N, C-alpha and C. Protein backbone atom coordinates (compact mmCIF):
# COMPACT_ATOMS: atom_id res chain seq x y z
N MET A 1 -0.22 -21.68 -3.50
CA MET A 1 0.30 -22.91 -4.26
C MET A 1 1.36 -22.30 -5.45
N LYS A 2 2.78 -22.42 -5.13
CA LYS A 2 3.50 -22.39 -6.18
C LYS A 2 3.41 -23.69 -7.16
N PHE A 3 3.32 -22.98 -8.56
CA PHE A 3 2.99 -23.67 -10.34
C PHE A 3 4.91 -24.78 -10.30
N VAL A 4 5.76 -23.87 -10.51
CA VAL A 4 7.34 -23.74 -10.40
C VAL A 4 8.12 -23.40 -9.45
N LYS A 5 9.25 -23.93 -8.83
CA LYS A 5 10.08 -23.30 -7.68
C LYS A 5 10.84 -23.45 -8.82
N ASP A 6 11.94 -22.30 -9.01
CA ASP A 6 13.26 -21.96 -8.21
C ASP A 6 14.25 -22.78 -7.66
N GLU A 7 15.11 -22.84 -8.97
CA GLU A 7 16.03 -23.53 -7.63
C GLU A 7 17.15 -22.06 -6.82
N ASP A 8 17.15 -21.73 -6.71
CA ASP A 8 16.72 -20.81 -4.88
C ASP A 8 16.50 -20.53 -4.26
N GLU A 9 14.72 -20.94 -4.18
CA GLU A 9 14.20 -20.70 -3.22
C GLU A 9 13.65 -21.30 -2.55
N GLU A 10 13.40 -20.87 -0.49
CA GLU A 10 13.01 -21.52 -0.21
C GLU A 10 11.96 -21.74 -0.12
N ARG A 11 10.78 -23.14 0.14
CA ARG A 11 9.70 -22.93 -0.33
C ARG A 11 9.57 -24.90 -0.73
N ARG A 12 8.08 -25.37 0.25
CA ARG A 12 8.04 -26.50 -0.22
C ARG A 12 6.89 -26.10 -0.85
N ASP A 13 5.51 -25.77 -1.07
CA ASP A 13 4.87 -25.17 -2.05
C ASP A 13 4.91 -25.31 -2.96
N TYR A 14 4.90 -26.68 -3.36
CA TYR A 14 5.09 -26.21 -5.51
C TYR A 14 4.95 -27.65 -6.15
N ILE A 15 4.98 -27.60 -7.19
CA ILE A 15 4.53 -29.00 -7.91
C ILE A 15 5.86 -29.30 -8.54
N PHE A 16 6.42 -28.35 -8.92
CA PHE A 16 6.80 -28.55 -10.67
C PHE A 16 8.64 -27.09 -9.46
N GLN A 17 9.86 -28.71 -9.87
CA GLN A 17 10.47 -27.63 -9.58
C GLN A 17 12.01 -27.36 -10.80
N LYS A 18 12.02 -25.87 -11.10
CA LYS A 18 12.63 -26.40 -12.23
C LYS A 18 14.61 -26.47 -12.45
N ASP A 19 14.71 -27.97 -12.76
CA ASP A 19 15.99 -28.16 -12.50
C ASP A 19 15.86 -28.76 -13.86
N GLU A 20 17.55 -29.51 -13.97
CA GLU A 20 17.50 -30.73 -15.39
C GLU A 20 16.76 -31.47 -15.41
N LYS A 21 16.63 -32.47 -13.95
CA LYS A 21 15.81 -33.85 -13.95
C LYS A 21 13.86 -33.39 -14.66
N THR A 22 13.72 -32.47 -14.37
CA THR A 22 11.81 -32.00 -14.27
C THR A 22 12.06 -31.52 -16.21
N LYS A 23 12.76 -30.96 -16.28
CA LYS A 23 12.91 -30.63 -17.45
C LYS A 23 13.07 -31.95 -19.01
N PHE A 24 14.12 -31.87 -17.97
CA PHE A 24 14.31 -33.70 -19.23
C PHE A 24 13.10 -34.51 -18.87
N GLY A 25 12.20 -34.84 -17.41
CA GLY A 25 11.28 -35.99 -17.59
C GLY A 25 10.36 -35.44 -18.48
N ALA A 26 9.91 -34.00 -18.40
CA ALA A 26 9.18 -33.63 -19.25
C ALA A 26 8.99 -33.86 -20.91
N LYS A 27 9.85 -33.71 -21.06
CA LYS A 27 9.96 -33.63 -22.60
C LYS A 27 10.37 -35.33 -22.45
N PHE A 28 10.68 -35.97 -22.16
CA PHE A 28 10.72 -37.61 -22.48
C PHE A 28 9.32 -37.92 -21.97
N ILE A 29 8.37 -37.47 -21.49
CA ILE A 29 7.03 -37.85 -20.65
C ILE A 29 5.86 -37.19 -22.29
N ILE A 30 6.19 -36.04 -22.92
CA ILE A 30 5.83 -35.45 -24.76
C ILE A 30 6.22 -36.31 -25.22
N ILE A 31 7.46 -36.80 -25.28
CA ILE A 31 7.77 -37.83 -26.86
C ILE A 31 6.59 -38.94 -26.64
N VAL A 32 6.66 -39.60 -25.76
CA VAL A 32 6.24 -40.73 -25.48
C VAL A 32 4.61 -40.63 -26.19
N LEU A 33 4.41 -38.87 -25.55
CA LEU A 33 2.56 -39.22 -25.42
C LEU A 33 2.69 -39.14 -26.63
N ILE A 34 3.34 -38.23 -27.70
CA ILE A 34 3.31 -38.09 -29.76
C ILE A 34 3.64 -39.65 -29.95
N ILE A 35 4.54 -40.48 -29.83
CA ILE A 35 4.71 -41.92 -30.10
C ILE A 35 3.62 -42.43 -30.28
N LEU A 36 2.53 -42.94 -28.99
CA LEU A 36 1.44 -43.79 -29.00
C LEU A 36 0.42 -42.83 -29.61
N VAL A 37 0.58 -41.48 -29.70
CA VAL A 37 -0.79 -40.75 -30.44
C VAL A 37 -0.22 -41.10 -31.97
N GLY A 38 0.73 -41.06 -32.32
CA GLY A 38 0.62 -41.79 -33.61
C GLY A 38 0.94 -43.33 -33.52
N ALA A 39 1.20 -44.09 -32.43
CA ALA A 39 1.17 -44.80 -32.67
C ALA A 39 -0.60 -45.68 -33.28
N VAL A 40 -1.51 -45.15 -32.11
CA VAL A 40 -3.11 -45.78 -32.23
C VAL A 40 -3.54 -44.86 -33.01
N VAL A 41 -2.83 -43.58 -34.05
CA VAL A 41 -3.66 -43.09 -35.35
C VAL A 41 -2.56 -44.36 -37.18
N ALA A 42 -1.88 -44.57 -36.51
CA ALA A 42 -1.07 -45.64 -37.71
C ALA A 42 -1.70 -46.87 -37.49
N SER A 43 -2.57 -47.48 -36.53
CA SER A 43 -2.51 -48.53 -36.22
C SER A 43 -4.74 -48.71 -36.86
N GLY A 44 -4.75 -47.40 -36.54
CA GLY A 44 -6.56 -47.24 -37.14
C GLY A 44 -6.63 -47.09 -38.32
N ILE A 45 -5.46 -46.02 -39.05
CA ILE A 45 -5.02 -46.44 -40.65
C ILE A 45 -5.20 -47.96 -41.22
N HIS A 46 -4.35 -48.75 -40.62
CA HIS A 46 -4.16 -50.37 -40.63
C HIS A 46 -4.96 -50.97 -40.76
N PHE A 47 -6.16 -50.51 -39.83
CA PHE A 47 -6.99 -51.38 -39.87
C PHE A 47 -8.15 -50.97 -40.32
N GLU A 48 -7.95 -49.63 -41.13
CA GLU A 48 -9.18 -49.22 -42.03
C GLU A 48 -10.76 -48.70 -40.72
N TRP A 49 -10.02 -48.40 -39.77
CA TRP A 49 -11.16 -47.58 -38.65
C TRP A 49 -11.00 -45.90 -38.92
N PHE A 50 -10.67 -45.54 -40.00
CA PHE A 50 -10.83 -44.27 -40.19
C PHE A 50 -10.83 -43.57 -41.72
């Protein structure tokens, strides 16, 4: 099974496709996770858990 499929390949056994939707989705998910981690750290500092 291949991990990333190029745009011009004719195959169906892949996880991600190398196109604009996948790139946008990956960036969006990474940014959201960074914001969530920052919120957890900020709330921990605010409530003096750290």
